[in-house]
Amino acid sequence: MSDQAMDNEDVKVTEVSGKRKRGGLKTAIMTMALLVAEAGLIGGGFMMFAEPARTEASATDFEAPASVHEPELAEVLIFDDHLFNDASGIGFMYATRIYLEVDQRDKAWLEIEAQGAPGKIEAALMSIWKSASRRDLESDELGAIEARVARALVGEGLFDRRPASVAFVDDGGQAGQGEDASTTFELPDGPIIHDVIVVMELGRRINR
């Protein structure tokens, strides 16, 4: 074989070897690209499915505020009589009823308390009516008088504390059969007197 032929053969071998190397490099690059793309797809899928779980977990951490119990209110009549006023120099008598607005669960024992202290209640009210102006007593808005009544009751120590418990009898129709059906229950927390309501007629002039 001539030198020229040998040189041509070497060139062909070199070209083939170069093509093989380039082909192998290209294959490696494509393989790596596929692996990276596959990893990206797997990672994206994991994040997509994992995100709702994190959202749901954070949602369970939220707690709705507890609802505030609103007491059922009842009115207790503590006074139903006449009160006198002569601050203007002329005597007037006012037919007056006074109610306390209380928790329904306080009503029973408070009625008993009111029946046991009529003198203290009347004395506190008479002091208010005697010193009040006719304008306050005959106004359409009795808020000022009602506020004074509330303060006077507190000052006299009336209805300022609950008993530890209240016992009442519920015989269920078994009275007379020798069964003890009394029940004791705990009283509510919070204020005893929620409001004072004054119902009053116009003053009637009296001569003394």
N, C-alpha and C. Protein backbone atom coordinates (compact mmCIF):
# COMPACT_ATOMS: atom_id res chain seq x y z
N MET A 1 0.85 -1.17 0.00
CA MET A 1 0.00 0.00 0.00
C MET A 1 0.90 1.23 0.00
N SER A 2 0.53 2.19 -0.82
CA SER A 2 1.36 3.39 -0.97
C SER A 2 1.17 4.28 0.23
N ASP A 3 2.09 5.21 0.42
CA ASP A 3 2.01 6.15 1.55
C ASP A 3 0.75 7.00 1.48
N GLN A 4 0.35 7.36 0.27
CA GLN A 4 -0.84 8.20 0.14
C GLN A 4 -2.09 7.46 0.57
N ALA A 5 -2.14 6.18 0.18
CA ALA A 5 -3.29 5.37 0.55
C ALA A 5 -3.38 5.21 2.05
N MET A 6 -2.18 5.03 2.66
CA MET A 6 -2.17 4.87 4.12
C MET A 6 -2.61 6.15 4.81
N ASP A 7 -2.18 7.28 4.26
CA ASP A 7 -2.60 8.55 4.85
C ASP A 7 -4.11 8.72 4.76
N ASN A 8 -4.66 8.33 3.60
CA ASN A 8 -6.13 8.45 3.44
C ASN A 8 -6.87 7.56 4.43
N GLU A 9 -6.30 6.37 4.66
CA GLU A 9 -6.93 5.44 5.59
C GLU A 9 -6.91 5.98 7.01
N ASP A 10 -5.78 6.62 7.39
CA ASP A 10 -5.69 7.21 8.73
C ASP A 10 -6.68 8.34 8.90
N VAL A 11 -6.87 9.13 7.86
CA VAL A 11 -7.83 10.24 7.94
C VAL A 11 -9.23 9.71 8.14
N LYS A 12 -9.59 8.63 7.44
CA LYS A 12 -10.93 8.06 7.58
C LYS A 12 -11.15 7.53 8.99
N VAL A 13 -10.09 6.84 9.51
CA VAL A 13 -10.22 6.30 10.86
C VAL A 13 -10.41 7.43 11.87
N THR A 14 -9.66 8.52 11.67
CA THR A 14 -9.77 9.66 12.58
C THR A 14 -11.15 10.28 12.52
N GLU A 15 -11.69 10.40 11.28
CA GLU A 15 -13.02 10.98 11.13
C GLU A 15 -14.09 10.12 11.78
N VAL A 16 -13.94 8.80 11.60
CA VAL A 16 -14.92 7.89 12.19
C VAL A 16 -14.85 7.96 13.71
N SER A 17 -13.60 7.98 14.22
CA SER A 17 -13.42 8.06 15.68
C SER A 17 -14.01 9.35 16.22
N GLY A 18 -13.82 10.48 15.49
CA GLY A 18 -14.35 11.77 15.93
C GLY A 18 -15.87 11.76 15.93
N LYS A 19 -16.43 11.12 14.87
CA LYS A 19 -17.89 11.05 14.82
C LYS A 19 -18.44 10.23 15.97
N ARG A 20 -17.72 9.13 16.32
CA ARG A 20 -18.18 8.30 17.42
C ARG A 20 -18.13 9.07 18.74
N LYS A 21 -17.02 9.83 18.92
CA LYS A 21 -16.90 10.60 20.16
C LYS A 21 -17.99 11.66 20.26
N ARG A 22 -18.23 12.35 19.12
CA ARG A 22 -19.27 13.36 19.15
C ARG A 22 -20.65 12.74 19.40
N GLY A 23 -20.86 11.56 18.78
CA GLY A 23 -22.14 10.88 18.98
C GLY A 23 -22.32 10.45 20.42
N GLY A 24 -21.23 9.95 21.07
CA GLY A 24 -21.31 9.55 22.47
C GLY A 24 -21.56 10.73 23.38
N LEU A 25 -20.91 11.88 23.10
CA LEU A 25 -21.11 13.08 23.89
C LEU A 25 -22.54 13.59 23.78
N LYS A 26 -23.03 13.54 22.52
CA LYS A 26 -24.41 13.98 22.29
C LYS A 26 -25.40 13.10 23.06
N THR A 27 -25.15 11.81 23.05
CA THR A 27 -26.02 10.87 23.78
C THR A 27 -25.98 11.13 25.28
N ALA A 28 -24.77 11.41 25.79
CA ALA A 28 -24.64 11.68 27.22
C ALA A 28 -25.38 12.96 27.61
N ILE A 29 -25.25 13.99 26.73
CA ILE A 29 -25.93 15.25 27.02
C ILE A 29 -27.45 15.06 27.02
N MET A 30 -27.96 14.31 26.05
CA MET A 30 -29.41 14.07 25.97
C MET A 30 -29.88 13.27 27.18
N THR A 31 -29.05 12.30 27.61
CA THR A 31 -29.42 11.49 28.78
C THR A 31 -29.51 12.36 30.03
N MET A 32 -28.52 13.25 30.20
CA MET A 32 -28.54 14.14 31.35
C MET A 32 -29.73 15.07 31.32
N ALA A 33 -30.04 15.58 30.11
CA ALA A 33 -31.19 16.48 29.98
C ALA A 33 -32.48 15.77 30.36
N LEU A 34 -32.59 14.50 29.91
CA LEU A 34 -33.79 13.72 30.25
C LEU A 34 -33.89 13.50 31.76
N LEU A 35 -32.73 13.19 32.38
CA LEU A 35 -32.73 12.98 33.82
C LEU A 35 -33.14 14.24 34.59
N VAL A 36 -32.60 15.40 34.13
CA VAL A 36 -32.95 16.66 34.79
C VAL A 36 -34.44 16.97 34.63
N ALA A 37 -34.95 16.74 33.40
CA ALA A 37 -36.37 17.00 33.16
C ALA A 37 -37.25 16.08 34.00
N GLU A 38 -36.81 14.80 34.12
CA GLU A 38 -37.58 13.86 34.93
C GLU A 38 -37.57 14.26 36.40
N ALA A 39 -36.40 14.71 36.88
CA ALA A 39 -36.32 15.16 38.27
C ALA A 39 -37.22 16.37 38.50
N GLY A 40 -37.25 17.28 37.52
CA GLY A 40 -38.11 18.45 37.65
C GLY A 40 -39.58 18.07 37.71
N LEU A 41 -39.96 17.10 36.85
CA LEU A 41 -41.36 16.66 36.86
C LEU A 41 -41.73 16.01 38.19
N ILE A 42 -40.83 15.19 38.72
CA ILE A 42 -41.11 14.52 39.99
C ILE A 42 -41.21 15.54 41.12
N GLY A 43 -40.25 16.50 41.14
CA GLY A 43 -40.29 17.54 42.18
C GLY A 43 -41.54 18.40 42.09
N GLY A 44 -41.91 18.78 40.86
CA GLY A 44 -43.12 19.59 40.68
C GLY A 44 -44.37 18.85 41.11
N GLY A 45 -44.43 17.57 40.76
CA GLY A 45 -45.59 16.78 41.17
C GLY A 45 -45.67 16.64 42.67
N PHE A 46 -44.54 16.46 43.33
CA PHE A 46 -44.52 16.35 44.79
C PHE A 46 -45.01 17.64 45.44
N MET A 47 -44.53 18.78 44.93
CA MET A 47 -44.95 20.06 45.49
C MET A 47 -46.44 20.30 45.27
N MET A 48 -46.93 19.91 44.09
CA MET A 48 -48.33 20.14 43.78
C MET A 48 -49.24 19.34 44.72
N PHE A 49 -48.85 18.07 44.99
CA PHE A 49 -49.69 17.25 45.85
C PHE A 49 -49.46 17.53 47.33
N ALA A 50 -48.30 18.03 47.68
CA ALA A 50 -48.00 18.31 49.08
C ALA A 50 -48.61 19.63 49.54
N GLU A 51 -48.83 20.61 48.66
CA GLU A 51 -49.30 21.94 49.04
C GLU A 51 -50.66 21.93 49.70
N PRO A 52 -51.67 21.21 49.16
CA PRO A 52 -52.98 21.19 49.83
C PRO A 52 -52.90 20.64 51.25
N ALA A 53 -51.98 19.67 51.47
CA ALA A 53 -51.88 19.11 52.81
C ALA A 53 -51.41 20.16 53.79
N ARG A 54 -50.45 21.03 53.37
CA ARG A 54 -49.99 22.09 54.24
C ARG A 54 -51.10 23.10 54.51
N THR A 55 -51.87 23.41 53.46
CA THR A 55 -52.98 24.36 53.61
C THR A 55 -54.03 23.81 54.56
N GLU A 56 -54.32 22.51 54.41
CA GLU A 56 -55.34 21.90 55.27
C GLU A 56 -54.86 21.87 56.71
N ALA A 57 -53.56 21.59 56.90
CA ALA A 57 -53.04 21.54 58.26
C ALA A 57 -53.11 22.90 58.92
N SER A 58 -52.81 23.96 58.16
CA SER A 58 -52.87 25.30 58.75
C SER A 58 -54.31 25.70 59.05
N ALA A 59 -55.24 25.20 58.25
CA ALA A 59 -56.65 25.53 58.48
C ALA A 59 -57.15 24.91 59.78
N THR A 60 -56.61 23.72 60.12
CA THR A 60 -57.07 23.08 61.34
C THR A 60 -56.56 23.79 62.57
N ASP A 61 -55.51 24.60 62.42
CA ASP A 61 -54.98 25.34 63.57
C ASP A 61 -55.89 26.48 63.98
N PHE A 62 -56.76 26.95 63.08
CA PHE A 62 -57.64 28.08 63.38
C PHE A 62 -58.81 27.61 64.22
N GLU A 63 -59.06 28.33 65.29
CA GLU A 63 -60.18 28.00 66.16
C GLU A 63 -61.16 29.17 66.19
N ALA A 64 -62.42 28.89 65.89
CA ALA A 64 -63.44 29.93 65.93
C ALA A 64 -63.65 30.38 67.37
N PRO A 65 -63.86 31.69 67.60
CA PRO A 65 -64.07 32.18 68.96
C PRO A 65 -65.33 31.59 69.56
N ALA A 66 -65.24 31.26 70.84
CA ALA A 66 -66.39 30.67 71.53
C ALA A 66 -67.52 31.69 71.63
N SER A 67 -68.73 31.22 71.43
CA SER A 67 -69.89 32.12 71.50
C SER A 67 -70.11 32.56 72.95
N VAL A 68 -70.47 33.81 73.10
CA VAL A 68 -70.72 34.37 74.42
C VAL A 68 -72.16 34.08 74.83
N HIS A 69 -72.29 33.55 76.03
CA HIS A 69 -73.64 33.21 76.51
C HIS A 69 -74.39 34.49 76.90
N GLU A 70 -75.54 34.70 76.33
CA GLU A 70 -76.40 35.82 76.67
C GLU A 70 -77.45 35.33 77.66
N PRO A 71 -77.47 35.88 78.87
CA PRO A 71 -78.43 35.39 79.86
C PRO A 71 -79.87 35.73 79.48
N GLU A 72 -80.78 34.88 79.90
CA GLU A 72 -82.21 35.16 79.73
C GLU A 72 -82.64 36.03 80.91
N LEU A 73 -83.11 37.24 80.61
CA LEU A 73 -83.41 38.20 81.67
C LEU A 73 -84.88 38.13 82.09
N ALA A 74 -85.10 38.44 83.36
CA ALA A 74 -86.45 38.46 83.91
C ALA A 74 -86.59 39.70 84.80
N GLU A 75 -87.81 40.15 85.00
CA GLU A 75 -88.07 41.32 85.84
C GLU A 75 -88.63 40.88 87.19
N VAL A 76 -88.09 41.50 88.24
CA VAL A 76 -88.54 41.21 89.60
C VAL A 76 -89.07 42.52 90.20
N LEU A 77 -90.33 42.52 90.62
CA LEU A 77 -90.94 43.69 91.25
C LEU A 77 -90.47 43.78 92.71
N ILE A 78 -89.80 44.89 93.07
CA ILE A 78 -89.32 45.02 94.44
C ILE A 78 -90.06 46.11 95.22
N PHE A 79 -90.87 46.93 94.50
CA PHE A 79 -91.60 47.99 95.20
C PHE A 79 -92.84 48.35 94.40
N ASP A 80 -93.97 48.48 95.10
CA ASP A 80 -95.23 48.89 94.46
C ASP A 80 -96.04 49.67 95.50
N ASP A 81 -95.81 51.00 95.52
CA ASP A 81 -96.46 51.83 96.54
C ASP A 81 -96.33 53.29 96.11
N HIS A 82 -96.55 54.20 97.05
CA HIS A 82 -96.48 55.64 96.77
C HIS A 82 -95.23 56.23 97.41
N LEU A 83 -94.63 57.20 96.72
CA LEU A 83 -93.46 57.91 97.23
C LEU A 83 -93.74 59.41 97.21
N PHE A 84 -93.25 60.09 98.21
CA PHE A 84 -93.60 61.51 98.42
C PHE A 84 -92.43 62.42 98.06
N ASN A 85 -92.79 63.62 97.52
CA ASN A 85 -91.79 64.64 97.20
C ASN A 85 -92.37 66.01 97.51
N ASP A 86 -91.57 66.84 98.21
CA ASP A 86 -91.99 68.22 98.46
C ASP A 86 -90.80 69.18 98.30
N ALA A 87 -89.86 68.82 97.41
CA ALA A 87 -88.67 69.65 97.21
C ALA A 87 -89.03 71.04 96.71
N SER A 88 -90.16 71.20 96.03
CA SER A 88 -90.55 72.50 95.49
C SER A 88 -91.36 73.31 96.50
N GLY A 89 -91.62 72.75 97.66
CA GLY A 89 -92.45 73.43 98.66
C GLY A 89 -93.88 72.97 98.61
N ILE A 90 -94.24 72.23 97.59
CA ILE A 90 -95.59 71.68 97.44
C ILE A 90 -95.48 70.17 97.43
N GLY A 91 -96.34 69.50 98.19
CA GLY A 91 -96.26 68.06 98.31
C GLY A 91 -96.93 67.33 97.15
N PHE A 92 -96.24 66.32 96.60
CA PHE A 92 -96.78 65.48 95.55
C PHE A 92 -96.53 64.02 95.92
N MET A 93 -97.53 63.19 95.62
CA MET A 93 -97.41 61.76 95.87
C MET A 93 -97.37 61.04 94.52
N TYR A 94 -96.43 60.12 94.39
CA TYR A 94 -96.22 59.43 93.11
C TYR A 94 -96.45 57.93 93.30
N ALA A 95 -97.43 57.41 92.57
CA ALA A 95 -97.63 55.96 92.55
C ALA A 95 -96.48 55.36 91.73
N THR A 96 -95.74 54.46 92.36
CA THR A 96 -94.48 54.01 91.76
C THR A 96 -94.33 52.49 91.86
N ARG A 97 -93.85 51.91 90.77
CA ARG A 97 -93.45 50.50 90.77
C ARG A 97 -92.00 50.44 90.29
N ILE A 98 -91.20 49.63 90.96
CA ILE A 98 -89.79 49.50 90.60
C ILE A 98 -89.47 48.03 90.38
N TYR A 99 -88.87 47.77 89.22
CA TYR A 99 -88.48 46.42 88.85
C TYR A 99 -86.95 46.34 88.72
N LEU A 100 -86.42 45.18 89.05
CA LEU A 100 -85.02 44.88 88.77
C LEU A 100 -84.96 43.86 87.64
N GLU A 101 -84.13 44.13 86.67
CA GLU A 101 -83.93 43.19 85.57
C GLU A 101 -82.73 42.32 85.91
N VAL A 102 -82.96 41.01 86.03
CA VAL A 102 -81.93 40.09 86.50
C VAL A 102 -81.89 38.85 85.61
N ASP A 103 -80.83 38.07 85.79
CA ASP A 103 -80.75 36.77 85.13
C ASP A 103 -81.92 35.91 85.62
N GLN A 104 -82.54 35.19 84.71
CA GLN A 104 -83.69 34.34 85.05
C GLN A 104 -83.36 33.40 86.21
N ARG A 105 -82.11 32.94 86.27
CA ARG A 105 -81.71 32.00 87.32
C ARG A 105 -81.60 32.67 88.69
N ASP A 106 -81.53 34.00 88.71
CA ASP A 106 -81.46 34.74 89.97
C ASP A 106 -82.84 35.15 90.48
N LYS A 107 -83.85 34.97 89.68
CA LYS A 107 -85.16 35.54 90.00
C LYS A 107 -85.74 35.00 91.30
N ALA A 108 -85.71 33.69 91.51
CA ALA A 108 -86.39 33.09 92.66
C ALA A 108 -85.81 33.59 93.98
N TRP A 109 -84.50 33.53 94.14
CA TRP A 109 -83.93 33.94 95.43
C TRP A 109 -84.03 35.45 95.62
N LEU A 110 -83.98 36.24 94.53
CA LEU A 110 -84.05 37.68 94.65
C LEU A 110 -85.46 38.12 95.09
N GLU A 111 -86.47 37.43 94.62
CA GLU A 111 -87.84 37.72 95.08
C GLU A 111 -87.96 37.49 96.58
N ILE A 112 -87.33 36.43 97.07
CA ILE A 112 -87.36 36.15 98.51
C ILE A 112 -86.63 37.24 99.28
N GLU A 113 -85.48 37.67 98.75
CA GLU A 113 -84.71 38.74 99.39
C GLU A 113 -85.54 40.03 99.46
N ALA A 114 -86.21 40.37 98.37
CA ALA A 114 -87.01 41.60 98.34
C ALA A 114 -88.15 41.55 99.34
N GLN A 115 -88.79 40.40 99.48
CA GLN A 115 -89.89 40.26 100.43
C GLN A 115 -89.40 40.35 101.88
N GLY A 116 -88.11 40.04 102.08
CA GLY A 116 -87.58 40.07 103.44
C GLY A 116 -86.99 41.40 103.85
N ALA A 117 -86.94 42.37 102.92
CA ALA A 117 -86.33 43.67 103.27
C ALA A 117 -87.16 44.84 102.76
N PRO A 118 -88.48 44.85 102.98
CA PRO A 118 -89.30 45.95 102.44
C PRO A 118 -88.97 47.29 103.08
N GLY A 119 -88.62 47.29 104.37
CA GLY A 119 -88.32 48.54 105.05
C GLY A 119 -87.06 49.20 104.50
N LYS A 120 -85.99 48.42 104.27
CA LYS A 120 -84.75 48.98 103.75
C LYS A 120 -84.93 49.49 102.33
N ILE A 121 -85.72 48.76 101.53
CA ILE A 121 -85.97 49.20 100.15
C ILE A 121 -86.73 50.51 100.14
N GLU A 122 -87.80 50.60 100.94
CA GLU A 122 -88.61 51.81 100.97
C GLU A 122 -87.81 53.00 101.49
N ALA A 123 -86.98 52.79 102.50
CA ALA A 123 -86.18 53.89 103.05
C ALA A 123 -85.21 54.43 101.99
N ALA A 124 -84.58 53.55 101.23
CA ALA A 124 -83.65 53.99 100.19
C ALA A 124 -84.38 54.78 99.11
N LEU A 125 -85.59 54.33 98.75
CA LEU A 125 -86.35 55.01 97.69
C LEU A 125 -86.91 56.34 98.17
N MET A 126 -87.39 56.38 99.38
CA MET A 126 -87.96 57.63 99.91
C MET A 126 -86.91 58.73 99.95
N SER A 127 -85.69 58.37 100.27
CA SER A 127 -84.61 59.36 100.30
C SER A 127 -84.37 59.95 98.91
N ILE A 128 -84.46 59.11 97.89
CA ILE A 128 -84.26 59.58 96.51
C ILE A 128 -85.40 60.49 96.09
N TRP A 129 -86.64 60.05 96.32
CA TRP A 129 -87.80 60.82 95.85
C TRP A 129 -87.92 62.16 96.61
N LYS A 130 -87.57 62.16 97.86
CA LYS A 130 -87.70 63.38 98.66
C LYS A 130 -86.77 64.48 98.17
N SER A 131 -85.58 64.12 97.70
CA SER A 131 -84.60 65.12 97.27
C SER A 131 -84.60 65.38 95.76
N ALA A 132 -85.36 64.60 95.00
CA ALA A 132 -85.37 64.78 93.54
C ALA A 132 -86.20 66.00 93.15
N SER A 133 -85.88 66.56 92.00
CA SER A 133 -86.67 67.69 91.50
C SER A 133 -87.91 67.16 90.79
N ARG A 134 -88.94 68.00 90.72
CA ARG A 134 -90.15 67.59 90.01
C ARG A 134 -89.85 67.35 88.53
N ARG A 135 -88.89 68.10 88.00
CA ARG A 135 -88.54 67.91 86.59
C ARG A 135 -88.02 66.49 86.35
N ASP A 136 -87.17 66.00 87.27
CA ASP A 136 -86.67 64.63 87.13
C ASP A 136 -87.77 63.60 87.32
N LEU A 137 -88.65 63.86 88.29
CA LEU A 137 -89.69 62.88 88.59
C LEU A 137 -90.78 62.82 87.53
N GLU A 138 -91.00 63.92 86.84
CA GLU A 138 -92.08 63.95 85.84
C GLU A 138 -91.55 64.00 84.41
N SER A 139 -90.28 63.67 84.25
CA SER A 139 -89.68 63.63 82.92
C SER A 139 -90.09 62.35 82.19
N ASP A 140 -90.12 62.43 80.86
CA ASP A 140 -90.39 61.23 80.06
C ASP A 140 -89.22 60.26 80.11
N GLU A 141 -88.06 60.76 80.44
CA GLU A 141 -86.85 59.93 80.53
C GLU A 141 -86.44 59.83 82.00
N LEU A 142 -86.59 58.64 82.57
CA LEU A 142 -86.31 58.43 83.99
C LEU A 142 -84.95 57.79 84.24
N GLY A 143 -84.05 57.93 83.28
CA GLY A 143 -82.73 57.30 83.41
C GLY A 143 -81.96 57.79 84.63
N ALA A 144 -82.06 59.09 84.95
CA ALA A 144 -81.33 59.63 86.10
C ALA A 144 -81.85 59.04 87.41
N ILE A 145 -83.18 58.93 87.51
CA ILE A 145 -83.78 58.34 88.72
C ILE A 145 -83.40 56.87 88.83
N GLU A 146 -83.45 56.15 87.72
CA GLU A 146 -83.11 54.72 87.75
C GLU A 146 -81.66 54.50 88.16
N ALA A 147 -80.76 55.37 87.70
CA ALA A 147 -79.35 55.26 88.09
C ALA A 147 -79.20 55.50 89.59
N ARG A 148 -79.95 56.47 90.14
CA ARG A 148 -79.88 56.75 91.58
C ARG A 148 -80.41 55.57 92.39
N VAL A 149 -81.46 54.93 91.88
CA VAL A 149 -82.01 53.75 92.57
C VAL A 149 -80.96 52.64 92.61
N ALA A 150 -80.29 52.40 91.50
CA ALA A 150 -79.27 51.35 91.45
C ALA A 150 -78.16 51.62 92.46
N ARG A 151 -77.71 52.88 92.53
CA ARG A 151 -76.64 53.24 93.48
C ARG A 151 -77.11 53.10 94.92
N ALA A 152 -78.37 53.47 95.17
CA ALA A 152 -78.90 53.39 96.53
C ALA A 152 -79.00 51.94 97.01
N LEU A 153 -79.42 51.05 96.13
CA LEU A 153 -79.52 49.63 96.50
C LEU A 153 -78.15 49.06 96.84
N VAL A 154 -77.15 49.45 96.05
CA VAL A 154 -75.78 49.00 96.33
C VAL A 154 -75.30 49.58 97.66
N GLY A 155 -75.59 50.86 97.88
CA GLY A 155 -75.18 51.51 99.12
C GLY A 155 -75.80 50.89 100.35
N GLU A 156 -77.02 50.40 100.23
CA GLU A 156 -77.70 49.76 101.36
C GLU A 156 -77.32 48.28 101.50
N GLY A 157 -76.49 47.80 100.60
CA GLY A 157 -76.09 46.39 100.66
C GLY A 157 -77.19 45.43 100.25
N LEU A 158 -78.16 45.91 99.44
CA LEU A 158 -79.27 45.07 98.99
C LEU A 158 -78.92 44.37 97.67
N PHE A 159 -79.16 43.09 97.61
CA PHE A 159 -78.96 42.30 96.39
C PHE A 159 -77.52 42.41 95.87
N ASP A 160 -76.56 42.56 96.78
CA ASP A 160 -75.18 42.74 96.33
C ASP A 160 -74.39 41.44 96.31
N ARG A 161 -74.97 40.35 96.82
CA ARG A 161 -74.27 39.06 96.76
C ARG A 161 -75.29 37.93 96.65
N ARG A 162 -74.88 36.91 95.94
CA ARG A 162 -75.74 35.74 95.78
C ARG A 162 -75.48 34.75 96.91
N PRO A 163 -76.50 33.97 97.24
CA PRO A 163 -76.24 32.85 98.15
C PRO A 163 -75.37 31.81 97.45
N ALA A 164 -74.74 30.94 98.21
CA ALA A 164 -73.86 29.94 97.61
C ALA A 164 -74.63 29.03 96.66
N SER A 165 -75.84 28.70 96.99
CA SER A 165 -76.68 27.87 96.14
C SER A 165 -78.13 28.11 96.52
N VAL A 166 -79.02 27.62 95.69
CA VAL A 166 -80.44 27.82 95.94
C VAL A 166 -81.11 26.46 95.92
N ALA A 167 -81.94 26.19 96.90
CA ALA A 167 -82.69 24.95 96.95
C ALA A 167 -84.14 25.24 96.65
N PHE A 168 -84.73 24.46 95.78
CA PHE A 168 -86.15 24.61 95.51
C PHE A 168 -86.77 23.22 95.44
N VAL A 169 -88.06 23.18 95.65
CA VAL A 169 -88.75 21.90 95.70
C VAL A 169 -89.49 21.66 94.40
N ASP A 170 -89.25 20.48 93.82
CA ASP A 170 -89.97 20.05 92.63
C ASP A 170 -90.41 18.62 92.90
N ASP A 171 -91.63 18.48 93.45
CA ASP A 171 -92.05 17.15 93.89
C ASP A 171 -92.58 16.29 92.75
N GLY A 172 -92.73 16.89 91.55
CA GLY A 172 -93.19 16.09 90.41
C GLY A 172 -94.53 15.44 90.63
N GLY A 173 -95.37 16.09 91.45
CA GLY A 173 -96.70 15.52 91.71
C GLY A 173 -96.69 14.45 92.78
N GLN A 174 -95.54 14.32 93.50
CA GLN A 174 -95.45 13.26 94.52
C GLN A 174 -95.64 13.80 95.93
N ALA A 175 -96.16 15.02 96.07
CA ALA A 175 -96.33 15.61 97.40
C ALA A 175 -97.22 14.71 98.25
N GLY A 176 -96.84 14.58 99.51
CA GLY A 176 -97.64 13.78 100.43
C GLY A 176 -97.28 12.32 100.42
N GLN A 177 -96.29 11.90 99.62
CA GLN A 177 -95.92 10.50 99.55
C GLN A 177 -94.61 10.22 100.27
N GLY A 178 -94.15 11.22 101.05
CA GLY A 178 -92.95 10.99 101.86
C GLY A 178 -91.67 11.03 101.09
N GLU A 179 -91.62 11.65 99.90
CA GLU A 179 -90.42 11.70 99.10
C GLU A 179 -89.81 13.09 99.19
N ASP A 180 -88.51 13.14 99.38
CA ASP A 180 -87.79 14.41 99.42
C ASP A 180 -87.32 14.73 98.02
N ALA A 181 -87.96 15.72 97.38
CA ALA A 181 -87.65 16.03 95.98
C ALA A 181 -86.95 17.36 95.83
N SER A 182 -86.33 17.89 96.91
CA SER A 182 -85.65 19.17 96.80
C SER A 182 -84.38 19.03 95.96
N THR A 183 -84.06 20.08 95.23
CA THR A 183 -82.90 20.07 94.34
C THR A 183 -82.08 21.33 94.57
N THR A 184 -80.76 21.22 94.55
CA THR A 184 -79.88 22.37 94.72
C THR A 184 -79.13 22.61 93.41
N PHE A 185 -79.03 23.87 92.99
CA PHE A 185 -78.31 24.17 91.76
C PHE A 185 -77.44 25.40 91.97
N GLU A 186 -76.36 25.49 91.19
CA GLU A 186 -75.43 26.60 91.29
C GLU A 186 -75.97 27.82 90.55
N LEU A 187 -75.68 29.00 91.08
CA LEU A 187 -76.15 30.24 90.48
C LEU A 187 -75.15 30.75 89.46
N PRO A 188 -75.59 31.63 88.56
CA PRO A 188 -74.70 32.12 87.49
C PRO A 188 -73.68 33.11 88.02
N ASP A 189 -72.63 33.31 87.22
CA ASP A 189 -71.66 34.37 87.51
C ASP A 189 -72.15 35.68 86.89
N GLY A 190 -71.41 36.76 87.14
CA GLY A 190 -71.75 38.04 86.52
C GLY A 190 -72.60 38.90 87.43
N PRO A 191 -73.04 40.05 86.91
CA PRO A 191 -73.81 40.99 87.74
C PRO A 191 -75.15 40.43 88.17
N ILE A 192 -75.60 40.86 89.34
CA ILE A 192 -76.92 40.43 89.82
C ILE A 192 -78.00 41.31 89.20
N ILE A 193 -77.84 42.63 89.30
CA ILE A 193 -78.82 43.57 88.74
C ILE A 193 -78.31 44.04 87.39
N HIS A 194 -79.03 43.70 86.33
CA HIS A 194 -78.65 44.13 84.98
C HIS A 194 -79.23 45.51 84.65
N ASP A 195 -80.38 45.82 85.24
CA ASP A 195 -80.99 47.12 84.97
C ASP A 195 -82.06 47.40 86.02
N VAL A 196 -82.38 48.69 86.18
CA VAL A 196 -83.46 49.12 87.06
C VAL A 196 -84.52 49.79 86.19
N ILE A 197 -85.78 49.43 86.39
CA ILE A 197 -86.88 49.98 85.61
C ILE A 197 -87.87 50.65 86.57
N VAL A 198 -88.10 51.94 86.37
CA VAL A 198 -89.04 52.70 87.19
C VAL A 198 -90.29 53.00 86.36
N VAL A 199 -91.43 52.61 86.89
CA VAL A 199 -92.72 52.91 86.25
C VAL A 199 -93.49 53.79 87.23
N MET A 200 -93.80 55.02 86.81
CA MET A 200 -94.37 55.98 87.75
C MET A 200 -95.46 56.82 87.09
N GLU A 201 -96.54 57.07 87.85
CA GLU A 201 -97.60 57.93 87.38
C GLU A 201 -97.25 59.38 87.71
N LEU A 202 -97.95 60.32 87.08
CA LEU A 202 -97.73 61.74 87.40
C LEU A 202 -98.09 62.01 88.85
N GLY A 203 -97.36 62.93 89.43
CA GLY A 203 -97.57 63.23 90.83
C GLY A 203 -98.96 63.79 91.12
N ARG A 204 -99.52 63.37 92.26
CA ARG A 204 -100.82 63.86 92.71
C ARG A 204 -100.60 64.80 93.90
N ARG A 205 -101.04 66.02 93.71
CA ARG A 205 -100.80 67.02 94.75
C ARG A 205 -101.59 66.70 96.01
N ILE A 206 -100.94 66.87 97.13
CA ILE A 206 -101.61 66.59 98.40
C ILE A 206 -101.46 67.81 99.32
N ASN A 207 -102.44 68.03 100.16
CA ASN A 207 -102.41 69.13 101.12
C ASN A 207 -102.05 68.58 102.49
N ARG A 208 -101.10 69.19 103.12
CA ARG A 208 -100.64 68.69 104.43
C ARG A 208 -100.82 69.77 105.48
